[in-house]
Structures are given as structure tokens and as C-alpha cells.
């Protein structure tokens, strides 16, 4: 799983930003997988990648259970530190918020 920290949020405007650093020993393409109750916008190394649409349920086992499949985007990791920034829209955090997993290609 990918773990991160809350770096900015607004309860009035219903958004939150989560940030994490993923280290890579080489340049490679990876699949960043999500299960989310909120719309997510993803940036990698300050470059906007894509948006993940919210799902009806957020499943913790989405990356192992095909009945709970999530959604994913493909990202390019550089050698060294890679900053991942996720904007969470909707403030639906009490119902599990989102889960994330990185699958290296």
C-alpha cells in the first residue's frame, strides 16, 4: 500500500491534499491503483497525470479481490525520489476515504 500525509485541507470547500514520496532505483513505468469514495486528481513530480472517478465503495482489498476492483493510472517514476500529490474532492473520508497501491511494471 502507499502511505502518505495530509498536507492541506478545507472542510468548507471539501478537499484535501495528500502527499507521499516513492523511491525508485531506476526509471520505470508503474501502475498506481486506487479504490475511492471521492474523485482524485494525481500529480507525479509536479506533473498532472489524470483523474480517478469516485466509486460506490472503497475496498481495502481492491488490489487482491477482483470483485472489489479499483481504478488505476499509469505513472512514470524517475530514479530517486518521486513526489506523489493527490487532491481528494468531496470530503467523504468517514466511509474509508481512499486506498492506494503501487504496482511496479
Protein backbone atom coordinates (compact mmCIF):
# COMPACT_ATOMS: atom_id res chain seq x y z
CA UNK A 1 0.00 0.00 0.00
CA UNK A 2 1.01 3.62 -0.46
CA UNK A 3 1.07 5.71 2.71
CA UNK A 4 1.13 9.49 2.78
CA UNK A 5 0.44 12.52 4.89
CA UNK A 6 -2.28 15.14 4.82
CA UNK A 7 -0.62 18.37 3.73
CA UNK A 8 -3.60 20.71 3.18
CA UNK A 9 -7.38 20.56 3.55
CA UNK A 10 -10.56 22.63 3.71
CA UNK A 11 -13.71 21.39 5.41
CA UNK A 12 -15.69 24.28 3.89
CA UNK A 13 -14.56 23.64 0.30
CA UNK A 14 -14.45 19.86 0.83
CA UNK A 15 -10.99 18.97 -0.40
CA UNK A 16 -7.77 17.51 0.96
CA UNK A 17 -4.27 17.07 -0.43
CA UNK A 18 -2.21 14.01 0.43
CA UNK A 19 1.48 13.75 -0.34
CA UNK A 20 3.99 10.91 -0.37
CA UNK A 21 7.46 10.14 -1.69
CA UNK A 22 8.07 6.94 -3.65
CA UNK A 23 11.68 5.94 -4.19
CA UNK A 24 12.80 4.08 -7.28
CA UNK A 25 16.20 2.55 -8.09
CA UNK A 26 15.58 3.09 -11.81
CA UNK A 27 13.35 4.83 -14.34
CA UNK A 28 10.22 2.72 -14.73
CA UNK A 29 6.53 2.75 -15.50
CA UNK A 30 4.20 1.81 -12.65
CA UNK A 31 0.51 1.37 -12.12
CA UNK A 32 -0.93 3.48 -9.31
CA UNK A 33 -4.15 1.78 -8.20
CA UNK A 34 -7.00 3.28 -6.16
CA UNK A 35 -10.27 2.40 -4.51
CA UNK A 36 -12.00 5.65 -3.55
CA UNK A 37 -15.28 7.24 -2.46
CA UNK A 38 -14.02 10.58 -3.79
CA UNK A 39 -12.80 11.99 -7.09
CA UNK A 40 -9.00 12.01 -7.05
CA UNK A 41 -6.55 14.11 -9.07
CA UNK A 42 -2.98 12.81 -9.27
CA UNK A 43 0.32 14.64 -9.83
CA UNK A 44 3.73 12.97 -10.09
CA UNK A 45 6.82 15.17 -9.72
CA UNK A 46 4.66 18.31 -10.21
CA UNK A 47 3.13 17.00 -13.48
CA UNK A 48 -0.64 16.38 -13.58
CA UNK A 49 -1.30 12.75 -14.55
CA UNK A 50 -5.04 12.09 -14.50
CA UNK A 51 -8.27 11.95 -12.53
CA UNK A 52 -9.80 8.89 -10.89
CA UNK A 53 -13.59 8.92 -10.62
CA UNK A 54 -15.20 8.03 -7.31
CA UNK A 55 -16.65 4.59 -6.75
CA UNK A 56 -19.68 3.47 -4.77
CA UNK A 57 -17.46 1.68 -2.23
CA UNK A 58 -13.82 1.89 -1.15
CA UNK A 59 -12.45 -1.60 -0.56
CA UNK A 60 -9.24 -2.24 1.40
CA UNK A 61 -8.66 -5.48 -0.56
CA UNK A 62 -9.23 -3.95 -4.02
CA UNK A 63 -5.78 -4.98 -5.28
CA UNK A 64 -6.27 -8.67 -4.33
CA UNK A 65 -10.00 -9.26 -4.75
CA UNK A 66 -11.31 -9.00 -8.34
CA UNK A 67 -14.86 -8.46 -7.06
CA UNK A 68 -13.64 -5.24 -5.39
CA UNK A 69 -11.57 -3.95 -8.31
CA UNK A 70 -10.46 -0.33 -8.16
CA UNK A 71 -9.25 2.10 -10.80
CA UNK A 72 -5.74 2.96 -11.87
CA UNK A 73 -3.43 5.32 -13.73
CA UNK A 74 -0.01 4.61 -15.17
CA UNK A 75 2.82 6.80 -13.93
CA UNK A 76 6.47 7.24 -14.85
CA UNK A 77 8.91 7.13 -11.97
CA UNK A 78 12.36 8.65 -12.24
CA UNK A 79 15.40 7.29 -10.45
CA UNK A 80 15.44 8.53 -6.86
CA UNK A 81 12.62 10.33 -5.03
CA UNK A 82 9.24 10.76 -6.74
CA UNK A 83 6.66 13.06 -5.14
CA UNK A 84 3.06 11.92 -5.50
CA UNK A 85 0.37 14.51 -4.73
CA UNK A 86 -3.31 13.52 -4.59
CA UNK A 87 -6.18 16.01 -4.45
CA UNK A 88 -9.23 14.39 -2.86
CA UNK A 89 -12.53 16.07 -3.75
CA UNK A 90 -15.75 15.56 -1.86
CA UNK A 91 -14.74 15.11 1.79
CA UNK A 92 -16.21 11.61 2.02
CA UNK A 93 -13.49 10.49 4.43
CA UNK A 94 -15.63 8.79 7.08
CA UNK A 95 -16.57 5.98 4.69
CA UNK A 96 -12.98 4.80 4.23
CA UNK A 97 -11.85 7.71 2.00
CA UNK A 98 -9.42 6.02 -0.41
CA UNK A 99 -6.94 3.17 -0.60
CA UNK A 100 -3.92 3.13 -2.88
CA UNK A 101 -1.37 0.60 -4.07
CA UNK A 102 1.55 0.86 -6.47
CA UNK A 103 2.25 -2.00 -8.85
CA UNK A 104 5.67 -1.76 -10.44
CA UNK A 105 5.81 -2.95 -14.03
